[in-house]
PDB file of N, CA and C in Angstrom:
ATOM      1  N   UNK A   1       0.333  42.384  12.809  1.00  0.00           N
ATOM      2  CA  UNK A   1       0.650  41.903  11.475  1.00  0.00           C
ATOM      3  C   UNK A   1       1.564  40.681  11.535  1.00  0.00           C
ATOM      4  N   UNK A   2       2.602  40.777  12.351  1.00  0.00           N
ATOM      5  CA  UNK A   2       3.547  39.664  12.464  1.00  0.00           C
ATOM      6  C   UNK A   2       2.862  38.424  13.038  1.00  0.00           C
ATOM      7  N   UNK A   3       1.956  38.625  13.995  1.00  0.00           N
ATOM      8  CA  UNK A   3       1.244  37.481  14.573  1.00  0.00           C
ATOM      9  C   UNK A   3       0.334  36.817  13.545  1.00  0.00           C
ATOM     10  N   UNK A   4      -0.249  37.600  12.668  1.00  0.00           N
ATOM     11  CA  UNK A   4      -1.102  37.044  11.610  1.00  0.00           C
ATOM     12  C   UNK A   4      -0.272  36.189  10.663  1.00  0.00           C
ATOM     13  N   UNK A   5       0.870  36.701  10.262  1.00  0.00           N
ATOM     14  CA  UNK A   5       1.761  35.951   9.372  1.00  0.00           C
ATOM     15  C   UNK A   5       2.229  34.675  10.059  1.00  0.00           C
ATOM     16  N   UNK A   6       2.607  34.782  11.316  1.00  0.00           N
ATOM     17  CA  UNK A   6       3.045  33.608  12.067  1.00  0.00           C
ATOM     18  C   UNK A   6       1.925  32.579  12.167  1.00  0.00           C
ATOM     19  N   UNK A   7       0.708  33.034  12.386  1.00  0.00           N
ATOM     20  CA  UNK A   7      -0.440  32.125  12.450  1.00  0.00           C
ATOM     21  C   UNK A   7      -0.663  31.394  11.137  1.00  0.00           C
ATOM     22  N   UNK A   8      -0.534  32.111  10.023  1.00  0.00           N
ATOM     23  CA  UNK A   8      -0.693  31.498   8.698  1.00  0.00           C
ATOM     24  C   UNK A   8       0.411  30.470   8.456  1.00  0.00           C
ATOM     25  N   UNK A   9       1.627  30.808   8.836  1.00  0.00           N
ATOM     26  CA  UNK A   9       2.757  29.888   8.660  1.00  0.00           C
ATOM     27  C   UNK A   9       2.550  28.619   9.479  1.00  0.00           C
ATOM     28  N   UNK A  10       2.137  28.760  10.711  1.00  0.00           N
ATOM     29  CA  UNK A  10       1.905  27.593  11.576  1.00  0.00           C
ATOM     30  C   UNK A  10       0.775  26.735  11.019  1.00  0.00           C
ATOM     31  N   UNK A  11      -0.300  27.348  10.584  1.00  0.00           N
ATOM     32  CA  UNK A  11      -1.422  26.596  10.011  1.00  0.00           C
ATOM     33  C   UNK A  11      -0.990  25.854   8.753  1.00  0.00           C
ATOM     34  N   UNK A  12      -0.192  26.498   7.923  1.00  0.00           N
ATOM     35  CA  UNK A  12       0.313  25.853   6.704  1.00  0.00           C
ATOM     36  C   UNK A  12       1.220  24.681   7.048  1.00  0.00           C
ATOM     37  N   UNK A  13       2.059  24.860   8.043  1.00  0.00           N
ATOM     38  CA  UNK A  13       2.962  23.790   8.468  1.00  0.00           C
ATOM     39  C   UNK A  13       2.186  22.585   8.979  1.00  0.00           C
ATOM     40  N   UNK A  14       1.152  22.815   9.740  1.00  0.00           N
ATOM     41  CA  UNK A  14       0.315  21.726  10.251  1.00  0.00           C
ATOM     42  C   UNK A  14      -0.345  20.988   9.089  1.00  0.00           C
ATOM     43  N   UNK A  15      -0.865  21.720   8.122  1.00  0.00           N
ATOM     44  CA  UNK A  15      -1.533  21.100   6.968  1.00  0.00           C
ATOM     45  C   UNK A  15      -0.549  20.273   6.144  1.00  0.00           C
ATOM     46  N   UNK A  16       0.625  20.805   5.895  1.00  0.00           N
ATOM     47  CA  UNK A  16       1.634  20.083   5.116  1.00  0.00           C
ATOM     48  C   UNK A  16       2.102  18.841   5.867  1.00  0.00           C
ATOM     49  N   UNK A  17       2.283  18.948   7.166  1.00  0.00           N
ATOM     50  CA  UNK A  17       2.700  17.800   7.972  1.00  0.00           C
ATOM     51  C   UNK A  17       1.669  16.687   7.896  1.00  0.00           C
ATOM     52  N   UNK A  18       0.400  17.023   7.944  1.00  0.00           N
ATOM     53  CA  UNK A  18      -0.667  16.025   7.833  1.00  0.00           C
ATOM     54  C   UNK A  18      -0.653  15.369   6.460  1.00  0.00           C
ATOM     55  N   UNK A  19      -0.466  16.154   5.416  1.00  0.00           N
ATOM     56  CA  UNK A  19      -0.416  15.607   4.058  1.00  0.00           C
ATOM     57  C   UNK A  19       0.761  14.653   3.890  1.00  0.00           C
ATOM     58  N   UNK A  20       1.894  15.007   4.448  1.00  0.00           N
ATOM     59  CA  UNK A  20       3.073  14.141   4.376  1.00  0.00           C
ATOM     60  C   UNK A  20       2.805  12.833   5.114  1.00  0.00           C
ATOM     61  N   UNK A  21       2.153  12.893   6.254  1.00  0.00           N
ATOM     62  CA  UNK A  21       1.816  11.682   7.005  1.00  0.00           C
ATOM     63  C   UNK A  21       0.884  10.768   6.235  1.00  0.00           C
ATOM     64  N   UNK A  22      -0.122  11.343   5.587  1.00  0.00           N
ATOM     65  CA  UNK A  22      -1.062  10.547   4.785  1.00  0.00           C
ATOM     66  C   UNK A  22      -0.324   9.884   3.631  1.00  0.00           C
ATOM     67  N   UNK A  23       0.517  10.640   2.943  1.00  0.00           N
ATOM     68  CA  UNK A  23       1.272  10.088   1.805  1.00  0.00           C
ATOM     69  C   UNK A  23       2.206   8.977   2.270  1.00  0.00           C
ATOM     70  N   UNK A  24       2.840   9.162   3.417  1.00  0.00           N
ATOM     71  CA  UNK A  24       3.747   8.137   3.950  1.00  0.00           C
ATOM     72  C   UNK A  24       2.995   6.843   4.236  1.00  0.00           C
ATOM     73  N   UNK A  25       1.814   6.940   4.837  1.00  0.00           N
ATOM     74  CA  UNK A  25       1.013   5.742   5.119  1.00  0.00           C
ATOM     75  C   UNK A  25       0.605   5.042   3.829  1.00  0.00           C
ATOM     76  N   UNK A  26       0.258   5.814   2.801  1.00  0.00           N
ATOM     77  CA  UNK A  26      -0.096   5.224   1.507  1.00  0.00           C
ATOM     78  C   UNK A  26       1.092   4.488   0.900  1.00  0.00           C
ATOM     79  N   UNK A  27       2.259   5.098   0.951  1.00  0.00           N
ATOM     80  CA  UNK A  27       3.456   4.473   0.395  1.00  0.00           C
ATOM     81  C   UNK A  27       3.827   3.207   1.154  1.00  0.00           C
ATOM     82  N   UNK A  28       3.712   3.237   2.483  1.00  0.00           N
ATOM     83  CA  UNK A  28       3.997   2.046   3.278  1.00  0.00           C
ATOM     84  C   UNK A  28       3.025   0.922   2.943  1.00  0.00           C
ATOM     85  N   UNK A  29       1.751   1.253   2.763  1.00  0.00           N
ATOM     86  CA  UNK A  29       0.742   0.252   2.421  1.00  0.00           C
ATOM     87  C   UNK A  29       1.028  -0.337   1.033  1.00  0.00           C
ATOM     88  N   UNK A  30       1.433   0.495   0.084  1.00  0.00           N
ATOM     89  CA  UNK A  30       1.778   0.003  -1.245  1.00  0.00           C
ATOM     90  C   UNK A  30       3.021  -0.878  -1.211  1.00  0.00           C
ATOM     91  N   UNK A  31       3.967  -0.553  -0.355  1.00  0.00           N
ATOM     92  CA  UNK A  31       5.162  -1.383  -0.208  1.00  0.00           C
ATOM     93  C   UNK A  31       4.798  -2.750   0.355  1.00  0.00           C
ATOM     94  N   UNK A  32       3.954  -2.783   1.376  1.00  0.00           N
ATOM     95  CA  UNK A  32       3.487  -4.056   1.940  1.00  0.00           C
ATOM     96  C   UNK A  32       2.771  -4.859   0.860  1.00  0.00           C
ATOM     97  N   UNK A  33       1.926  -4.206   0.075  1.00  0.00           N
ATOM     98  CA  UNK A  33       1.182  -4.889  -0.991  1.00  0.00           C
ATOM     99  C   UNK A  33       2.135  -5.489  -2.018  1.00  0.00           C
ATOM    100  N   UNK A  34       3.131  -4.740  -2.431  1.00  0.00           N
ATOM    101  CA  UNK A  34       4.098  -5.234  -3.414  1.00  0.00           C
ATOM    102  C   UNK A  34       4.879  -6.421  -2.875  1.00  0.00           C
ATOM    103  N   UNK A  35       5.285  -6.342  -1.628  1.00  0.00           N
ATOM    104  CA  UNK A  35       6.025  -7.455  -1.023  1.00  0.00           C
ATOM    105  C   UNK A  35       5.162  -8.702  -0.901  1.00  0.00           C
ATOM    106  N   UNK A  36       3.891  -8.522  -0.537  1.00  0.00           N
ATOM    107  CA  UNK A  36       2.988  -9.672  -0.436  1.00  0.00           C
ATOM    108  C   UNK A  36       2.773 -10.328  -1.796  1.00  0.00           C
ATOM    109  N   UNK A  37       2.600  -9.525  -2.838  1.00  0.00           N
ATOM    110  CA  UNK A  37       2.422 -10.086  -4.180  1.00  0.00           C
ATOM    111  C   UNK A  37       3.675 -10.845  -4.598  1.00  0.00           C
ATOM    112  N   UNK A  38       4.840 -10.302  -4.308  1.00  0.00           N
ATOM    113  CA  UNK A  38       6.076 -11.008  -4.650  1.00  0.00           C
ATOM    114  C   UNK A  38       6.172 -12.320  -3.892  1.00  0.00           C
ATOM    115  N   UNK A  39       5.897 -12.290  -2.603  1.00  0.00           N
ATOM    116  CA  UNK A  39       5.949 -13.511  -1.797  1.00  0.00           C
ATOM    117  C   UNK A  39       4.948 -14.544  -2.315  1.00  0.00           C
ATOM    118  N   UNK A  40       3.753 -14.096  -2.648  1.00  0.00           N
ATOM    119  CA  UNK A  40       2.723 -15.012  -3.148  1.00  0.00           C
ATOM    120  C   UNK A  40       3.122 -15.605  -4.496  1.00  0.00           C
ATOM    121  N   UNK A  41       3.653 -14.780  -5.399  1.00  0.00           N
ATOM    122  CA  UNK A  41       4.048 -15.301  -6.711  1.00  0.00           C
ATOM    123  C   UNK A  41       5.267 -16.214  -6.602  1.00  0.00           C
ATOM    124  N   UNK A  42       6.140 -15.958  -5.648  1.00  0.00           N
ATOM    125  CA  UNK A  42       7.262 -16.878  -5.407  1.00  0.00           C
ATOM    126  C   UNK A  42       6.742 -18.256  -5.012  1.00  0.00           C
ATOM    127  N   UNK A  43       5.726 -18.289  -4.153  1.00  0.00           N
ATOM    128  CA  UNK A  43       5.154 -19.573  -3.738  1.00  0.00           C
ATOM    129  C   UNK A  43       4.461 -20.273  -4.906  1.00  0.00           C
ATOM    130  N   UNK A  44       3.817 -19.517  -5.776  1.00  0.00           N
ATOM    131  CA  UNK A  44       3.207 -20.095  -6.981  1.00  0.00           C
ATOM    132  C   UNK A  44       4.301 -20.695  -7.862  1.00  0.00           C
ATOM    133  N   UNK A  45       5.405 -19.986  -8.017  1.00  0.00           N
ATOM    134  CA  UNK A  45       6.520 -20.478  -8.831  1.00  0.00           C
ATOM    135  C   UNK A  45       7.111 -21.760  -8.259  1.00  0.00           C
ATOM    136  N   UNK A  46       6.996 -21.939  -6.951  1.00  0.00           N
ATOM    137  CA  UNK A  46       7.504 -23.154  -6.304  1.00  0.00           C
ATOM    138  C   UNK A  46       6.524 -24.319  -6.395  1.00  0.00           C
ATOM    139  N   UNK A  47       5.359 -24.095  -7.007  1.00  0.00           N
ATOM    140  CA  UNK A  47       4.453 -25.200  -7.262  1.00  0.00           C
ATOM    141  C   UNK A  47       3.098 -25.164  -6.587  1.00  0.00           C
ATOM    142  N   UNK A  48       2.839 -24.201  -5.743  1.00  0.00           N
ATOM    143  CA  UNK A  48       1.510 -24.123  -5.124  1.00  0.00           C
ATOM    144  C   UNK A  48       0.486 -23.668  -6.162  1.00  0.00           C
ATOM    145  N   UNK A  49      -0.750 -24.151  -6.018  1.00  0.00           N
ATOM    146  CA  UNK A  49      -1.814 -23.769  -6.950  1.00  0.00           C
ATOM    147  C   UNK A  49      -2.445 -22.428  -6.590  1.00  0.00           C
ATOM    148  N   UNK A  50      -2.627 -22.198  -5.289  1.00  0.00           N
ATOM    149  CA  UNK A  50      -3.232 -20.954  -4.808  1.00  0.00           C
ATOM    150  C   UNK A  50      -2.505 -20.511  -3.547  1.00  0.00           C
ATOM    151  N   UNK A  51      -2.396 -19.213  -3.394  1.00  0.00           N
ATOM    152  CA  UNK A  51      -1.757 -18.657  -2.200  1.00  0.00           C
ATOM    153  C   UNK A  51      -2.589 -17.470  -1.724  1.00  0.00           C
ATOM    154  N   UNK A  52      -2.802 -17.394  -0.419  1.00  0.00           N
ATOM    155  CA  UNK A  52      -3.471 -16.243   0.198  1.00  0.00           C
ATOM    156  C   UNK A  52      -2.625 -15.807   1.390  1.00  0.00           C
ATOM    157  N   UNK A  53      -2.260 -14.547   1.413  1.00  0.00           N
ATOM    158  CA  UNK A  53      -1.433 -13.996   2.485  1.00  0.00           C
ATOM    159  C   UNK A  53      -2.078 -12.716   3.012  1.00  0.00           C
ATOM    160  N   UNK A  54      -1.716 -12.364   4.240  1.00  0.00           N
ATOM    161  CA  UNK A  54      -2.247 -11.142   4.834  1.00  0.00           C
ATOM    162  C   UNK A  54      -1.207 -10.562   5.782  1.00  0.00           C
ATOM    163  N   UNK A  55      -1.057  -9.245   5.720  1.00  0.00           N
ATOM    164  CA  UNK A  55      -0.129  -8.571   6.625  1.00  0.00           C
ATOM    165  C   UNK A  55      -0.537  -7.108   6.748  1.00  0.00           C
ATOM    166  N   UNK A  56      -0.630  -6.630   7.954  1.00  0.00           N
ATOM    167  CA  UNK A  56      -0.921  -5.221   8.245  1.00  0.00           C
ATOM    168  C   UNK A  56      -2.173  -4.718   7.523  1.00  0.00           C
ATOM    169  N   UNK A  57      -3.194  -5.548   7.467  1.00  0.00           N
ATOM    170  CA  UNK A  57      -4.453  -5.145   6.859  1.00  0.00           C
ATOM    171  C   UNK A  57      -4.506  -5.272   5.350  1.00  0.00           C
ATOM    172  N   UNK A  58      -3.406  -5.683   4.738  1.00  0.00           N
ATOM    173  CA  UNK A  58      -3.350  -5.880   3.284  1.00  0.00           C
ATOM    174  C   UNK A  58      -3.432  -7.376   3.018  1.00  0.00           C
ATOM    175  N   UNK A  59      -4.299  -7.758   2.081  1.00  0.00           N
ATOM    176  CA  UNK A  59      -4.431  -9.171   1.717  1.00  0.00           C
ATOM    177  C   UNK A  59      -3.933  -9.370   0.295  1.00  0.00           C
ATOM    178  N   UNK A  60      -3.360 -10.544   0.045  1.00  0.00           N
ATOM    179  CA  UNK A  60      -2.893 -10.884  -1.300  1.00  0.00           C
ATOM    180  C   UNK A  60      -3.387 -12.272  -1.649  1.00  0.00           C
ATOM    181  N   UNK A  61      -3.752 -12.439  -2.904  1.00  0.00           N
ATOM    182  CA  UNK A  61      -4.161 -13.731  -3.436  1.00  0.00           C
ATOM    183  C   UNK A  61      -3.406 -13.947  -4.735  1.00  0.00           C
ATOM    184  N   UNK A  62      -2.985 -15.194  -4.965  1.00  0.00           N
ATOM    185  CA  UNK A  62      -2.266 -15.495  -6.200  1.00  0.00           C
ATOM    186  C   UNK A  62      -2.637 -16.877  -6.704  1.00  0.00           C
ATOM    187  N   UNK A  63      -2.691 -16.990  -8.016  1.00  0.00           N
ATOM    188  CA  UNK A  63      -2.837 -18.258  -8.728  1.00  0.00           C
ATOM    189  C   UNK A  63      -1.912 -18.169  -9.937  1.00  0.00           C
ATOM    190  N   UNK A  64      -1.908 -19.187 -10.764  1.00  0.00           N
ATOM    191  CA  UNK A  64      -1.104 -19.138 -11.991  1.00  0.00           C
ATOM    192  C   UNK A  64      -1.615 -18.064 -12.959  1.00  0.00           C
ATOM    193  N   UNK A  65      -2.874 -17.670 -12.814  1.00  0.00           N
ATOM    194  CA  UNK A  65      -3.444 -16.652 -13.697  1.00  0.00           C
ATOM    195  C   UNK A  65      -3.046 -15.228 -13.304  1.00  0.00           C
ATOM    196  N   UNK A  66      -2.558 -15.040 -12.087  1.00  0.00           N
ATOM    197  CA  UNK A  66      -2.139 -13.713 -11.665  1.00  0.00           C
ATOM    198  C   UNK A  66      -2.203 -13.550 -10.158  1.00  0.00           C
ATOM    199  N   UNK A  67      -1.896 -12.351  -9.723  1.00  0.00           N
ATOM    200  CA  UNK A  67      -1.896 -12.060  -8.285  1.00  0.00           C
ATOM    201  C   UNK A  67      -2.363 -10.630  -8.078  1.00  0.00           C
ATOM    202  N   UNK A  68      -2.952 -10.412  -6.909  1.00  0.00           N
ATOM    203  CA  UNK A  68      -3.351  -9.052  -6.559  1.00  0.00           C
ATOM    204  C   UNK A  68      -3.291  -8.885  -5.056  1.00  0.00           C
ATOM    205  N   UNK A  69      -3.036  -7.654  -4.648  1.00  0.00           N
ATOM    206  CA  UNK A  69      -3.054  -7.281  -3.237  1.00  0.00           C
ATOM    207  C   UNK A  69      -4.105  -6.193  -3.086  1.00  0.00           C
ATOM    208  N   UNK A  70      -4.830  -6.254  -1.995  1.00  0.00           N
ATOM    209  CA  UNK A  70      -5.941  -5.322  -1.825  1.00  0.00           C
ATOM    210  C   UNK A  70      -6.223  -5.056  -0.359  1.00  0.00           C
ATOM    211  N   UNK A  71      -6.912  -3.949  -0.119  1.00  0.00           N
ATOM    212  CA  UNK A  71      -7.440  -3.581   1.192  1.00  0.00           C
ATOM    213  C   UNK A  71      -8.929  -3.364   0.974  1.00  0.00           C
ATOM    214  N   UNK A  72      -9.741  -4.144   1.673  1.00  0.00           N
ATOM    215  CA  UNK A  72     -11.179  -4.088   1.415  1.00  0.00           C
ATOM    216  C   UNK A  72     -11.431  -4.531  -0.010  1.00  0.00           C
ATOM    217  N   UNK A  73     -12.072  -3.688  -0.797  1.00  0.00           N
ATOM    218  CA  UNK A  73     -12.253  -4.027  -2.208  1.00  0.00           C
ATOM    219  C   UNK A  73     -11.439  -3.106  -3.117  1.00  0.00           C
ATOM    220  N   UNK A  74     -10.446  -2.424  -2.542  1.00  0.00           N
ATOM    221  CA  UNK A  74      -9.563  -1.549  -3.313  1.00  0.00           C
ATOM    222  C   UNK A  74      -8.279  -2.302  -3.655  1.00  0.00           C
ATOM    223  N   UNK A  75      -8.049  -2.508  -4.948  1.00  0.00           N
ATOM    224  CA  UNK A  75      -6.841  -3.192  -5.403  1.00  0.00           C
ATOM    225  C   UNK A  75      -5.666  -2.225  -5.365  1.00  0.00           C
ATOM    226  N   UNK A  76      -4.574  -2.667  -4.727  1.00  0.00           N
ATOM    227  CA  UNK A  76      -3.367  -1.848  -4.641  1.00  0.00           C
ATOM    228  C   UNK A  76      -2.345  -2.251  -5.693  1.00  0.00           C
ATOM    229  N   UNK A  77      -2.193  -3.573  -5.901  1.00  0.00           N
ATOM    230  CA  UNK A  77      -1.239  -4.105  -6.874  1.00  0.00           C
ATOM    231  C   UNK A  77      -1.903  -5.280  -7.565  1.00  0.00           C
ATOM    232  N   UNK A  78      -1.752  -5.352  -8.882  1.00  0.00           N
ATOM    233  CA  UNK A  78      -2.300  -6.489  -9.624  1.00  0.00           C
ATOM    234  C   UNK A  78      -1.358  -6.828 -10.771  1.00  0.00           C
ATOM    235  N   UNK A  79      -1.082  -8.130 -10.920  1.00  0.00           N
ATOM    236  CA  UNK A  79      -0.270  -8.590 -12.041  1.00  0.00           C
ATOM    237  C   UNK A  79      -0.977  -9.766 -12.696  1.00  0.00           C
ATOM    238  N   UNK A  80      -0.768  -9.917 -13.977  1.00  0.00           N
ATOM    239  CA  UNK A  80      -1.361 -11.021 -14.731  1.00  0.00           C
ATOM    240  C   UNK A  80      -0.324 -12.132 -14.866  1.00  0.00           C
ATOM    241  N   UNK A  81      -0.810 -13.368 -14.840  1.00  0.00           N
ATOM    242  CA  UNK A  81       0.069 -14.528 -14.974  1.00  0.00           C
ATOM    243  C   UNK A  81      -0.038 -15.137 -16.348  1.00  0.00           C
ATOM    244  N   UNK A  82       0.029 -16.459 -16.364  1.00  0.00           N
ATOM    245  CA  UNK A  82       0.003 -17.210 -17.626  1.00  0.00           C
ATOM    246  C   UNK A  82      -1.239 -16.981 -18.419  1.00  0.00           C
TER     247      UNK A  82
END
């Protein structure tokens, strides 16, 4: 009985640890996306017409009309401009 309970606890711990790791990677990717959008919009504010940046698999594009950061075709962050 005790071994069964211990087995369930260990399996649950492994599952929760994996979920935490996935969530952490998502949060890190969103942080990179937010920073790239800020950097791109800062460059637009300094007078550039278009900006394209890339870091850690996240790409960002910005113009005066707005900016977005994405991975593949999934948008992570998007803001509207003028």
